Amino acid sequence: RTVSGVIAGLGFWTPDTLPEKLPQGSALSPRLFDIAFYPI
């Protein structure tokens, strides 16, 4: 749980008051998108 939360936290961010999202430009975003899309 701890490691999963740390990795996901370093990949997501909150611009101002918008909901959390994967930022375009982050090195983690493409890989995290693939991981989340695997069941689909």
Full PDB file with SEQRES, HELIX, SHEET, SSBOND, CRYST1, ORIGX, SCALE, CONECT and MASTER records, all heavy atoms in Angstrom:
SEQRES   1 A   40  ARG THR VAL SER GLY VAL ILE ALA GLY LEU GLY PHE TRP          
SEQRES   2 A   40  THR PRO ASP THR LEU PRO GLU LYS LEU PRO GLN GLY SER          
SEQRES   3 A   40  ALA LEU SER PRO ARG LEU PHE ASP ILE ALA PHE TYR PRO          
SEQRES   4 A   40  ILE                                                          
HELIX    1 AA1 THR A    2  GLY A   11  1                                  10    
HELIX    2 AA2 SER A   29  PHE A   37  1                                   9    
CRYST1    1.000    1.000    1.000  90.00  90.00  90.00 P 1           1          
ORIGX1      1.000000  0.000000  0.000000        0.00000                         
ORIGX2      0.000000  1.000000  0.000000        0.00000                         
ORIGX3      0.000000  0.000000  1.000000        0.00000                         
SCALE1      1.000000  0.000000  0.000000        0.00000                         
SCALE2      0.000000  1.000000  0.000000        0.00000                         
SCALE3      0.000000  0.000000  1.000000        0.00000                         
ATOM      1  N   ARG A   1       0.823  -1.207   0.000  1.00  0.00           N  
ATOM      2  CA  ARG A   1       0.000   0.000   0.000  1.00  0.00           C  
ATOM      3  C   ARG A   1       0.863   1.264   0.000  1.00  0.00           C  
ATOM      4  O   ARG A   1       0.599   2.221  -0.722  1.00  0.00           O  
ATOM      5  CB  ARG A   1      -0.892   0.011   1.246  1.00  0.00           C  
ATOM      6  CG  ARG A   1      -1.975  -1.045   1.259  1.00  0.00           C  
ATOM      7  CD  ARG A   1      -2.722  -1.023   2.578  1.00  0.00           C  
ATOM      8  NE  ARG A   1      -3.784  -2.021   2.599  1.00  0.00           N  
ATOM      9  CZ  ARG A   1      -5.039  -1.794   2.211  1.00  0.00           C  
ATOM     10  NH1 ARG A   1      -5.372  -0.596   1.770  1.00  0.00           N  
ATOM     11  NH2 ARG A   1      -5.944  -2.739   2.257  1.00  0.00           N  
ATOM     12  N   THR A   2       1.917   1.233   0.819  1.00  0.00           N  
ATOM     13  CA  THR A   2       2.760   2.422   0.945  1.00  0.00           C  
ATOM     14  C   THR A   2       3.465   2.749  -0.363  1.00  0.00           C  
ATOM     15  O   THR A   2       3.431   3.887  -0.847  1.00  0.00           O  
ATOM     16  CB  THR A   2       3.802   2.215   2.051  1.00  0.00           C  
ATOM     17  OG1 THR A   2       3.131   1.909   3.278  1.00  0.00           O  
ATOM     18  CG2 THR A   2       4.651   3.453   2.234  1.00  0.00           C  
ATOM     19  N   VAL A   3       4.121   1.747  -0.943  1.00  0.00           N  
ATOM     20  CA  VAL A   3       4.863   1.970  -2.185  1.00  0.00           C  
ATOM     21  C   VAL A   3       3.917   2.365  -3.313  1.00  0.00           C  
ATOM     22  O   VAL A   3       4.218   3.260  -4.113  1.00  0.00           O  
ATOM     23  CB  VAL A   3       5.675   0.713  -2.554  1.00  0.00           C  
ATOM     24  CG1 VAL A   3       6.308   0.862  -3.929  1.00  0.00           C  
ATOM     25  CG2 VAL A   3       6.749   0.460  -1.511  1.00  0.00           C  
ATOM     26  N   SER A   4       2.755   1.722  -3.398  1.00  0.00           N  
ATOM     27  CA  SER A   4       1.778   2.066  -4.437  1.00  0.00           C  
ATOM     28  C   SER A   4       1.321   3.511  -4.293  1.00  0.00           C  
ATOM     29  O   SER A   4       1.196   4.239  -5.280  1.00  0.00           O  
ATOM     30  CB  SER A   4       0.574   1.129  -4.360  1.00  0.00           C  
ATOM     31  OG  SER A   4       0.959  -0.213  -4.520  1.00  0.00           O  
ATOM     32  N   GLY A   5       1.096   3.941  -3.042  1.00  0.00           N  
ATOM     33  CA  GLY A   5       0.675   5.318  -2.818  1.00  0.00           C  
ATOM     34  C   GLY A   5       1.754   6.333  -3.153  1.00  0.00           C  
ATOM     35  O   GLY A   5       1.470   7.400  -3.704  1.00  0.00           O  
ATOM     36  N   VAL A   6       3.016   6.004  -2.848  1.00  0.00           N  
ATOM     37  CA  VAL A   6       4.124   6.919  -3.143  1.00  0.00           C  
ATOM     38  C   VAL A   6       4.306   7.077  -4.647  1.00  0.00           C  
ATOM     39  O   VAL A   6       4.437   8.194  -5.167  1.00  0.00           O  
ATOM     40  CB  VAL A   6       5.427   6.421  -2.487  1.00  0.00           C  
ATOM     41  CG1 VAL A   6       6.619   7.209  -3.009  1.00  0.00           C  
ATOM     42  CG2 VAL A   6       5.343   6.547  -0.974  1.00  0.00           C  
ATOM     43  N   ILE A   7       4.308   5.950  -5.389  1.00  0.00           N  
ATOM     44  CA  ILE A   7       4.507   6.013  -6.842  1.00  0.00           C  
ATOM     45  C   ILE A   7       3.361   6.767  -7.505  1.00  0.00           C  
ATOM     46  O   ILE A   7       3.573   7.627  -8.373  1.00  0.00           O  
ATOM     47  CB  ILE A   7       4.642   4.600  -7.423  1.00  0.00           C  
ATOM     48  CG1 ILE A   7       5.906   3.918  -6.882  1.00  0.00           C  
ATOM     49  CG2 ILE A   7       4.687   4.646  -8.944  1.00  0.00           C  
ATOM     50  CD1 ILE A   7       6.060   2.479  -7.311  1.00  0.00           C  
ATOM     51  N   ALA A   8       2.133   6.443  -7.107  1.00  0.00           N  
ATOM     52  CA  ALA A   8       0.983   7.136  -7.688  1.00  0.00           C  
ATOM     53  C   ALA A   8       0.997   8.619  -7.317  1.00  0.00           C  
ATOM     54  O   ALA A   8       0.669   9.481  -8.146  1.00  0.00           O  
ATOM     55  CB  ALA A   8      -0.312   6.484  -7.217  1.00  0.00           C  
ATOM     56  N   GLY A   9       1.403   8.942  -6.079  1.00  0.00           N  
ATOM     57  CA  GLY A   9       1.452  10.340  -5.658  1.00  0.00           C  
ATOM     58  C   GLY A   9       2.473  11.151  -6.422  1.00  0.00           C  
ATOM     59  O   GLY A   9       2.236  12.314  -6.762  1.00  0.00           O  
ATOM     60  N   LEU A  10       3.630  10.532  -6.727  1.00  0.00           N  
ATOM     61  CA  LEU A  10       4.656  11.235  -7.498  1.00  0.00           C  
ATOM     62  C   LEU A  10       4.262  11.388  -8.963  1.00  0.00           C  
ATOM     63  O   LEU A  10       4.835  12.208  -9.676  1.00  0.00           O  
ATOM     64  CB  LEU A  10       5.987  10.487  -7.399  1.00  0.00           C  
ATOM     65  CG  LEU A  10       6.671  10.522  -6.033  1.00  0.00           C  
ATOM     66  CD1 LEU A  10       7.885   9.603  -6.018  1.00  0.00           C  
ATOM     67  CD2 LEU A  10       7.080  11.939  -5.665  1.00  0.00           C  
ATOM     68  N   GLY A  11       3.307  10.577  -9.429  1.00  0.00           N  
ATOM     69  CA  GLY A  11       2.859  10.660 -10.822  1.00  0.00           C  
ATOM     70  C   GLY A  11       1.719  11.625 -11.023  1.00  0.00           C  
ATOM     71  O   GLY A  11       1.586  12.213 -12.091  1.00  0.00           O  
ATOM     72  N   PHE A  12       0.867  11.809 -10.014  1.00  0.00           N  
ATOM     73  CA  PHE A  12      -0.277  12.704 -10.127  1.00  0.00           C  
ATOM     74  C   PHE A  12       0.062  14.073  -9.540  1.00  0.00           C  
ATOM     75  O   PHE A  12       0.972  14.208  -8.737  1.00  0.00           O  
ATOM     76  CB  PHE A  12      -1.481  12.125  -9.376  1.00  0.00           C  
ATOM     77  CG  PHE A  12      -2.200  11.054 -10.141  1.00  0.00           C  
ATOM     78  CD1 PHE A  12      -1.697   9.760 -10.163  1.00  0.00           C  
ATOM     79  CD2 PHE A  12      -3.368  11.321 -10.830  1.00  0.00           C  
ATOM     80  CE1 PHE A  12      -2.352   8.759 -10.862  1.00  0.00           C  
ATOM     81  CE2 PHE A  12      -4.022  10.323 -11.523  1.00  0.00           C  
ATOM     82  CZ  PHE A  12      -3.520   9.044 -11.546  1.00  0.00           C  
ATOM     83  N   TRP A  13      -0.711  15.049  -9.938  1.00  0.00           N  
ATOM     84  CA  TRP A  13      -0.552  16.377  -9.351  1.00  0.00           C  
ATOM     85  C   TRP A  13      -1.866  17.122  -9.466  1.00  0.00           C  
ATOM     86  O   TRP A  13      -2.770  16.738 -10.204  1.00  0.00           O  
ATOM     87  CB  TRP A  13       0.574  17.147 -10.009  1.00  0.00           C  
ATOM     88  CG  TRP A  13       0.242  17.761 -11.327  1.00  0.00           C  
ATOM     89  CD1 TRP A  13      -0.134  17.102 -12.466  1.00  0.00           C  
ATOM     90  CD2 TRP A  13       0.244  19.143 -11.669  1.00  0.00           C  
ATOM     91  NE1 TRP A  13      -0.337  17.977 -13.487  1.00  0.00           N  
ATOM     92  CE2 TRP A  13      -0.110  19.241 -13.026  1.00  0.00           C  
ATOM     93  CE3 TRP A  13       0.534  20.303 -10.953  1.00  0.00           C  
ATOM     94  CZ2 TRP A  13      -0.207  20.454 -13.686  1.00  0.00           C  
ATOM     95  CZ3 TRP A  13       0.454  21.513 -11.614  1.00  0.00           C  
ATOM     96  CH2 TRP A  13       0.078  21.582 -12.961  1.00  0.00           C  
ATOM     97  N   THR A  14      -1.994  18.225  -8.720  1.00  0.00           N  
ATOM     98  CA  THR A  14      -3.226  18.996  -8.664  1.00  0.00           C  
ATOM     99  C   THR A  14      -2.953  20.425  -9.082  1.00  0.00           C  
ATOM    100  O   THR A  14      -2.369  21.189  -8.313  1.00  0.00           O  
ATOM    101  CB  THR A  14      -3.814  18.970  -7.245  1.00  0.00           C  
ATOM    102  OG1 THR A  14      -3.975  17.624  -6.845  1.00  0.00           O  
ATOM    103  CG2 THR A  14      -5.152  19.668  -7.211  1.00  0.00           C  
ATOM    104  N   PRO A  15      -3.336  20.825 -10.284  1.00  0.00           N  
ATOM    105  CA  PRO A  15      -3.173  22.222 -10.679  1.00  0.00           C  
ATOM    106  C   PRO A  15      -4.273  23.091 -10.072  1.00  0.00           C  
ATOM    107  O   PRO A  15      -5.446  22.936 -10.409  1.00  0.00           O  
ATOM    108  CB  PRO A  15      -3.276  22.163 -12.205  1.00  0.00           C  
ATOM    109  CG  PRO A  15      -4.106  20.953 -12.471  1.00  0.00           C  
ATOM    110  CD  PRO A  15      -3.899  19.999 -11.341  1.00  0.00           C  
ATOM    111  N   ASP A  16      -3.899  23.976  -9.166  1.00  0.00           N  
ATOM    112  CA  ASP A  16      -4.852  24.860  -8.490  1.00  0.00           C  
ATOM    113  C   ASP A  16      -5.930  24.031  -7.785  1.00  0.00           C  
ATOM    114  O   ASP A  16      -5.651  23.284  -6.887  1.00  0.00           O  
ATOM    115  CB  ASP A  16      -5.449  25.847  -9.493  1.00  0.00           C  
ATOM    116  CG  ASP A  16      -4.360  26.707 -10.131  1.00  0.00           C  
ATOM    117  OD1 ASP A  16      -3.355  26.974  -9.439  1.00  0.00           O  
ATOM    118  OD2 ASP A  16      -4.512  27.089 -11.292  1.00  0.00           O  
ATOM    119  N   THR A  17      -7.182  24.168  -8.220  1.00  0.00           N  
ATOM    120  CA  THR A  17      -8.274  23.461  -7.546  1.00  0.00           C  
ATOM    121  C   THR A  17      -8.895  22.388  -8.433  1.00  0.00           C  
ATOM    122  O   THR A  17      -9.985  21.905  -8.156  1.00  0.00           O  
ATOM    123  CB  THR A  17      -9.374  24.462  -7.133  1.00  0.00           C  
ATOM    124  OG1 THR A  17      -9.848  25.146  -8.299  1.00  0.00           O  
ATOM    125  CG2 THR A  17      -8.836  25.462  -6.130  1.00  0.00           C  
ATOM    126  N   LEU A  18      -8.211  22.015  -9.516  1.00  0.00           N  
ATOM    127  CA  LEU A  18      -8.743  20.990 -10.405  1.00  0.00           C  
ATOM    128  C   LEU A  18      -8.509  19.601  -9.810  1.00  0.00           C  
ATOM    129  O   LEU A  18      -7.648  19.421  -8.954  1.00  0.00           O  
ATOM    130  CB  LEU A  18      -8.074  21.082 -11.779  1.00  0.00           C  
ATOM    131  CG  LEU A  18      -8.293  22.383 -12.547  1.00  0.00           C  
ATOM    132  CD1 LEU A  18      -7.520  22.346 -13.851  1.00  0.00           C  
ATOM    133  CD2 LEU A  18      -9.765  22.595 -12.830  1.00  0.00           C  
ATOM    134  N   PRO A  19      -9.279  18.595 -10.237  1.00  0.00           N  
ATOM    135  CA  PRO A  19      -9.047  17.233  -9.741  1.00  0.00           C  
ATOM    136  C   PRO A  19      -7.666  16.729 -10.139  1.00  0.00           C  
ATOM    137  O   PRO A  19      -7.055  17.217 -11.090  1.00  0.00           O  
ATOM    138  CB  PRO A  19     -10.153  16.416 -10.432  1.00  0.00           C  
ATOM    139  CG  PRO A  19     -11.164  17.416 -10.874  1.00  0.00           C  
ATOM    140  CD  PRO A  19     -10.424  18.678 -11.152  1.00  0.00           C  
ATOM    141  N   GLU A  20      -7.183  15.750  -9.394  1.00  0.00           N  
ATOM    142  CA  GLU A  20      -5.871  15.183  -9.700  1.00  0.00           C  
ATOM    143  C   GLU A  20      -5.887  14.536 -11.084  1.00  0.00           C  
ATOM    144  O   GLU A  20      -6.869  13.920 -11.487  1.00  0.00           O  
ATOM    145  CB  GLU A  20      -5.491  14.143  -8.648  1.00  0.00           C  
ATOM    146  CG  GLU A  20      -5.167  14.743  -7.296  1.00  0.00           C  
ATOM    147  CD  GLU A  20      -4.748  13.684  -6.306  1.00  0.00           C  
ATOM    148  OE1 GLU A  20      -5.145  12.522  -6.485  1.00  0.00           O  
ATOM    149  OE2 GLU A  20      -4.031  14.016  -5.353  1.00  0.00           O  
ATOM    150  N   LYS A  21      -4.768  14.647 -11.787  1.00  0.00           N  
ATOM    151  CA  LYS A  21      -4.677  14.052 -13.110  1.00  0.00           C  
ATOM    152  C   LYS A  21      -3.218  13.756 -13.421  1.00  0.00           C  
ATOM    153  O   LYS A  21      -2.301  14.263 -12.777  1.00  0.00           O  
ATOM    154  CB  LYS A  21      -5.252  14.986 -14.166  1.00  0.00           C  
ATOM    155  CG  LYS A  21      -4.474  16.285 -14.343  1.00  0.00           C  
ATOM    156  CD  LYS A  21      -5.052  17.104 -15.480  1.00  0.00           C  
ATOM    157  CE  LYS A  21      -4.235  18.365 -15.736  1.00  0.00           C  
ATOM    158  NZ  LYS A  21      -4.755  19.136 -16.872  1.00  0.00           N  
ATOM    159  N   LEU A  22      -3.013  12.914 -14.438  1.00  0.00           N  
ATOM    160  CA  LEU A  22      -1.666  12.634 -14.907  1.00  0.00           C  
ATOM    161  C   LEU A  22      -1.215  13.788 -15.791  1.00  0.00           C  
ATOM    162  O   LEU A  22      -1.875  14.099 -16.787  1.00  0.00           O  
ATOM    163  CB  LEU A  22      -1.637  11.326 -15.705  1.00  0.00           C  
ATOM    164  CG  LEU A  22      -1.759  10.029 -14.923  1.00  0.00           C  
ATOM    165  CD1 LEU A  22      -1.818   8.843 -15.884  1.00  0.00           C  
ATOM    166  CD2 LEU A  22      -0.596   9.845 -13.966  1.00  0.00           C  
ATOM    167  N   PRO A  23      -0.106  14.450 -15.474  1.00  0.00           N  
ATOM    168  CA  PRO A  23       0.332  15.591 -16.285  1.00  0.00           C  
ATOM    169  C   PRO A  23       1.065  15.149 -17.544  1.00  0.00           C  
ATOM    170  O   PRO A  23       1.842  14.192 -17.522  1.00  0.00           O  
ATOM    171  CB  PRO A  23       1.282  16.333 -15.340  1.00  0.00           C  
ATOM    172  CG  PRO A  23       1.819  15.283 -14.432  1.00  0.00           C  
ATOM    173  CD  PRO A  23       0.737  14.256 -14.279  1.00  0.00           C  
ATOM    174  N   GLN A  24       0.793  15.816 -18.636  1.00  0.00           N  
ATOM    175  CA  GLN A  24       1.568  15.601 -19.855  1.00  0.00           C  
ATOM    176  C   GLN A  24       2.915  16.280 -19.682  1.00  0.00           C  
ATOM    177  O   GLN A  24       2.986  17.478 -19.457  1.00  0.00           O  
ATOM    178  CB  GLN A  24       0.834  16.173 -21.070  1.00  0.00           C  
ATOM    179  CG  GLN A  24      -0.312  15.334 -21.542  1.00  0.00           C  
ATOM    180  CD  GLN A  24      -0.785  15.753 -22.921  1.00  0.00           C  
ATOM    181  OE1 GLN A  24      -0.489  16.842 -23.388  1.00  0.00           O  
ATOM    182  NE2 GLN A  24      -1.527  14.905 -23.577  1.00  0.00           N  
ATOM    183  N   GLY A  25       3.982  15.503 -19.813  1.00  0.00           N  
ATOM    184  CA  GLY A  25       5.324  16.006 -19.580  1.00  0.00           C  
ATOM    185  C   GLY A  25       6.028  15.264 -18.473  1.00  0.00           C  
ATOM    186  O   GLY A  25       7.260  15.302 -18.378  1.00  0.00           O  
ATOM    187  N   SER A  26       5.272  14.585 -17.622  1.00  0.00           N  
ATOM    188  CA  SER A  26       5.868  13.787 -16.551  1.00  0.00           C  
ATOM    189  C   SER A  26       6.426  12.489 -17.119  1.00  0.00           C  
ATOM    190  O   SER A  26       5.854  11.892 -18.043  1.00  0.00           O  
ATOM    191  CB  SER A  26       4.832  13.490 -15.478  1.00  0.00           C  
ATOM    192  OG  SER A  26       5.307  12.511 -14.580  1.00  0.00           O  
ATOM    193  N   ALA A  27       7.539  12.018 -16.549  1.00  0.00           N  
ATOM    194  CA  ALA A  27       8.148  10.769 -17.012  1.00  0.00           C  
ATOM    195  C   ALA A  27       7.333   9.551 -16.596  1.00  0.00           C  
ATOM    196  O   ALA A  27       7.469   8.485 -17.191  1.00  0.00           O  
ATOM    197  CB  ALA A  27       9.576  10.652 -16.474  1.00  0.00           C  
ATOM    198  N   LEU A  28       6.480   9.696 -15.581  1.00  0.00           N  
ATOM    199  CA  LEU A  28       5.689   8.567 -15.087  1.00  0.00           C  
ATOM    200  C   LEU A  28       4.350   8.416 -15.800  1.00  0.00           C  
ATOM    201  O   LEU A  28       3.775   7.330 -15.796  1.00  0.00           O  
ATOM    202  CB  LEU A  28       5.432   8.716 -13.581  1.00  0.00           C  
ATOM    203  CG  LEU A  28       6.595   8.431 -12.638  1.00  0.00           C  
ATOM    204  CD1 LEU A  28       6.170   8.709 -11.198  1.00  0.00           C  
ATOM    205  CD2 LEU A  28       7.062   6.991 -12.763  1.00  0.00           C  
ATOM    206  N   SER A  29       3.840   9.484 -16.390  1.00  0.00           N  
ATOM    207  CA  SER A  29       2.482   9.459 -16.937  1.00  0.00           C  
ATOM    208  C   SER A  29       2.252   8.375 -17.988  1.00  0.00           C  
ATOM    209  O   SER A  29       1.267   7.637 -17.899  1.00  0.00           O  
ATOM    210  CB  SER A  29       2.125  10.834 -17.505  1.00  0.00           C  
ATOM    211  OG  SER A  29       2.074  11.799 -16.483  1.00  0.00           O  
ATOM    212  N   PRO A  30       3.111   8.232 -19.013  1.00  0.00           N  
ATOM    213  CA  PRO A  30       2.850   7.185 -20.008  1.00  0.00           C  
ATOM    214  C   PRO A  30       2.811   5.783 -19.411  1.00  0.00           C  
ATOM    215  O   PRO A  30       1.933   4.986 -19.747  1.00  0.00           O  
ATOM    216  CB  PRO A  30       4.026   7.344 -20.993  1.00  0.00           C  
ATOM    217  CG  PRO A  30       4.496   8.742 -20.811  1.00  0.00           C  
ATOM    218  CD  PRO A  30       4.291   9.040 -19.369  1.00  0.00           C  
ATOM    219  N   ARG A  31       3.757   5.494 -18.516  1.00  0.00           N  
ATOM    220  CA  ARG A  31       3.808   4.152 -17.932  1.00  0.00           C  
ATOM    221  C   ARG A  31       2.615   3.900 -17.016  1.00  0.00           C  
ATOM    222  O   ARG A  31       2.039   2.806 -17.031  1.00  0.00           O  
ATOM    223  CB  ARG A  31       5.119   3.989 -17.158  1.00  0.00           C  
ATOM    224  CG  ARG A  31       5.410   2.550 -16.782  1.00  0.00           C  
ATOM    225  CD  ARG A  31       5.790   1.731 -17.999  1.00  0.00           C  
ATOM    226  NE  ARG A  31       5.939   0.327 -17.664  1.00  0.00           N  
ATOM    227  CZ  ARG A  31       4.967  -0.586 -17.760  1.00  0.00           C  
ATOM    228  NH1 ARG A  31       3.772  -0.226 -18.192  1.00  0.00           N  
ATOM    229  NH2 ARG A  31       5.182  -1.837 -17.453  1.00  0.00           N  
ATOM    230  N   LEU A  32       2.234   4.891 -16.224  1.00  0.00           N  
ATOM    231  CA  LEU A  32       1.085   4.726 -15.337  1.00  0.00           C  
ATOM    232  C   LEU A  32      -0.213   4.594 -16.131  1.00  0.00           C  
ATOM    233  O   LEU A  32      -1.133   3.871 -15.722  1.00  0.00           O  
ATOM    234  CB  LEU A  32       0.983   5.904 -14.365  1.00  0.00           C  
ATOM    235  CG  LEU A  32       2.103   6.024 -13.329  1.00  0.00           C  
ATOM    236  CD1 LEU A  32       1.872   7.221 -12.420  1.00  0.00           C  
ATOM    237  CD2 LEU A  32       2.219   4.745 -12.496  1.00  0.00           C  
ATOM    238  N   PHE A  33      -0.303   5.273 -17.268  1.00  0.00           N  
ATOM    239  CA  PHE A  33      -1.488   5.120 -18.122  1.00  0.00           C  
ATOM    240  C   PHE A  33      -1.587   3.686 -18.638  1.00  0.00           C  
ATOM    241  O   PHE A  33      -2.670   3.091 -18.631  1.00  0.00           O  
ATOM    242  CB  PHE A  33      -1.423   6.102 -19.291  1.00  0.00           C  
ATOM    243  CG  PHE A  33      -2.581   5.976 -20.253  1.00  0.00           C  
ATOM    244  CD1 PHE A  33      -3.756   6.645 -20.005  1.00  0.00           C  
ATOM    245  CD2 PHE A  33      -2.486   5.180 -21.387  1.00  0.00           C  
ATOM    246  CE1 PHE A  33      -4.838   6.522 -20.883  1.00  0.00           C  
ATOM    247  CE2 PHE A  33      -3.551   5.051 -22.258  1.00  0.00           C  
ATOM    248  CZ  PHE A  33      -4.732   5.727 -22.008  1.00  0.00           C  
ATOM    249  N   ASP A  34      -0.470   3.120 -19.098  1.00  0.00           N  
ATOM    250  CA  ASP A  34      -0.474   1.738 -19.579  1.00  0.00           C  
ATOM    251  C   ASP A  34      -0.872   0.766 -18.472  1.00  0.00           C  
ATOM    252  O   ASP A  34      -1.604  -0.196 -18.708  1.00  0.00           O  
ATOM    253  CB  ASP A  34       0.907   1.367 -20.125  1.00  0.00           C  
ATOM    254  CG  ASP A  34       0.969   1.474 -21.637  1.00  0.00           C  
ATOM    255  OD1 ASP A  34      -0.055   1.829 -22.242  1.00  0.00           O  
ATOM    256  OD2 ASP A  34       2.034   1.205 -22.218  1.00  0.00           O  
ATOM    257  N   ILE A  35      -0.364   1.000 -17.271  1.00  0.00           N  
ATOM    258  CA  ILE A  35      -0.683   0.123 -16.142  1.00  0.00           C  
ATOM    259  C   ILE A  35      -2.173   0.200 -15.807  1.00  0.00           C  
ATOM    260  O   ILE A  35      -2.819  -0.827 -15.564  1.00  0.00           O  
ATOM    261  CB  ILE A  35       0.176   0.498 -14.924  1.00  0.00           C  
ATOM    262  CG1 ILE A  35       1.651   0.161 -15.199  1.00  0.00           C  
ATOM    263  CG2 ILE A  35      -0.304  -0.215 -13.668  1.00  0.00           C  
ATOM    264  CD1 ILE A  35       2.603   0.665 -14.129  1.00  0.00           C  
ATOM    265  N   ALA A  36      -2.736   1.401 -15.801  1.00  0.00           N  
ATOM    266  CA  ALA A  36      -4.154   1.559 -15.484  1.00  0.00           C  
ATOM    267  C   ALA A  36      -5.047   1.005 -16.587  1.00  0.00           C  
ATOM    268  O   ALA A  36      -6.163   0.537 -16.320  1.00  0.00           O  
ATOM    269  CB  ALA A  36      -4.474   3.036 -15.244  1.00  0.00           C  
ATOM    270  N   PHE A  37      -4.578   1.031 -17.840  1.00  0.00           N  
ATOM    271  CA  PHE A  37      -5.390   0.596 -18.981  1.00  0.00           C  
ATOM    272  C   PHE A  37      -5.286  -0.912 -19.226  1.00  0.00           C  
ATOM    273  O   PHE A  37      -6.001  -1.443 -20.069  1.00  0.00           O  
ATOM    274  CB  PHE A  37      -4.959   1.344 -20.251  1.00  0.00           C  
ATOM    275  CG  PHE A  37      -6.070   1.548 -21.245  1.00  0.00           C  
ATOM    276  CD1 PHE A  37      -6.932   2.625 -21.113  1.00  0.00           C  
ATOM    277  CD2 PHE A  37      -6.258   0.679 -22.294  1.00  0.00           C  
ATOM    278  CE1 PHE A  37      -7.959   2.822 -22.024  1.00  0.00           C  
ATOM    279  CE2 PHE A  37      -7.281   0.867 -23.209  1.00  0.00           C  
ATOM    280  CZ  PHE A  37      -8.140   1.944 -23.073  1.00  0.00           C  
ATOM    281  N   TYR A  38      -4.422  -1.597 -18.507  1.00  0.00           N  
ATOM    282  CA  TYR A  38      -4.205  -3.026 -18.749  1.00  0.00           C  
ATOM    283  C   TYR A  38      -5.495  -3.840 -18.659  1.00  0.00           C  
ATOM    284  O   TYR A  38      -5.770  -4.666 -19.550  1.00  0.00           O  
ATOM    285  CB  TYR A  38      -3.162  -3.569 -17.775  1.00  0.00           C  
ATOM    286  CG  TYR A  38      -2.809  -5.018 -17.992  1.00  0.00           C  
ATOM    287  CD1 TYR A  38      -1.744  -5.382 -18.814  1.00  0.00           C  
ATOM    288  CD2 TYR A  38      -3.532  -6.032 -17.387  1.00  0.00           C  
ATOM    289  CE1 TYR A  38      -1.425  -6.706 -19.022  1.00  0.00           C  
ATOM    290  CE2 TYR A  38      -3.217  -7.361 -17.587  1.00  0.00           C  
ATOM    291  CZ  TYR A  38      -2.163  -7.692 -18.401  1.00  0.00           C  
ATOM    292  OH  TYR A  38      -1.855  -9.010 -18.599  1.00  0.00           O  
ATOM    293  N   PRO A  39      -6.338  -3.696 -17.622  1.00  0.00           N  
ATOM    294  CA  PRO A  39      -7.582  -4.500 -17.581  1.00  0.00           C  
ATOM    295  C   PRO A  39      -8.494  -4.249 -18.770  1.00  0.00           C  
ATOM    296  O   PRO A  39      -9.181  -5.166 -19.236  1.00  0.00           O  
ATOM    297  CB  PRO A  39      -8.237  -4.063 -16.266  1.00  0.00           C  
ATOM    298  CG  PRO A  39      -7.135  -3.474 -15.456  1.00  0.00           C  
ATOM    299  CD  PRO A  39      -6.201  -2.845 -16.437  1.00  0.00           C  
ATOM    300  N   ILE A  40      -8.513  -3.007 -19.279  1.00  0.00           N  
ATOM    301  CA  ILE A  40      -9.353  -2.694 -20.435  1.00  0.00           C  
ATOM    302  C   ILE A  40      -8.787  -3.356 -21.687  1.00  0.00           C  
ATOM    303  O   ILE A  40      -9.541  -3.862 -22.528  1.00  0.00           O  
ATOM    304  CB  ILE A  40      -9.454  -1.171 -20.612  1.00  0.00           C  
ATOM    305  CG1 ILE A  40      -9.948  -0.533 -19.316  1.00  0.00           C  
ATOM    306  CG2 ILE A  40     -10.379  -0.813 -21.767  1.00  0.00           C  
ATOM    307  CD1 ILE A  40      -9.889   0.962 -19.291  1.00  0.00           C  
TER     308      ILE A  40                                                      
MASTER        0    0    0    2    0    0    0    6  307    1    0    4          
END                                                                             
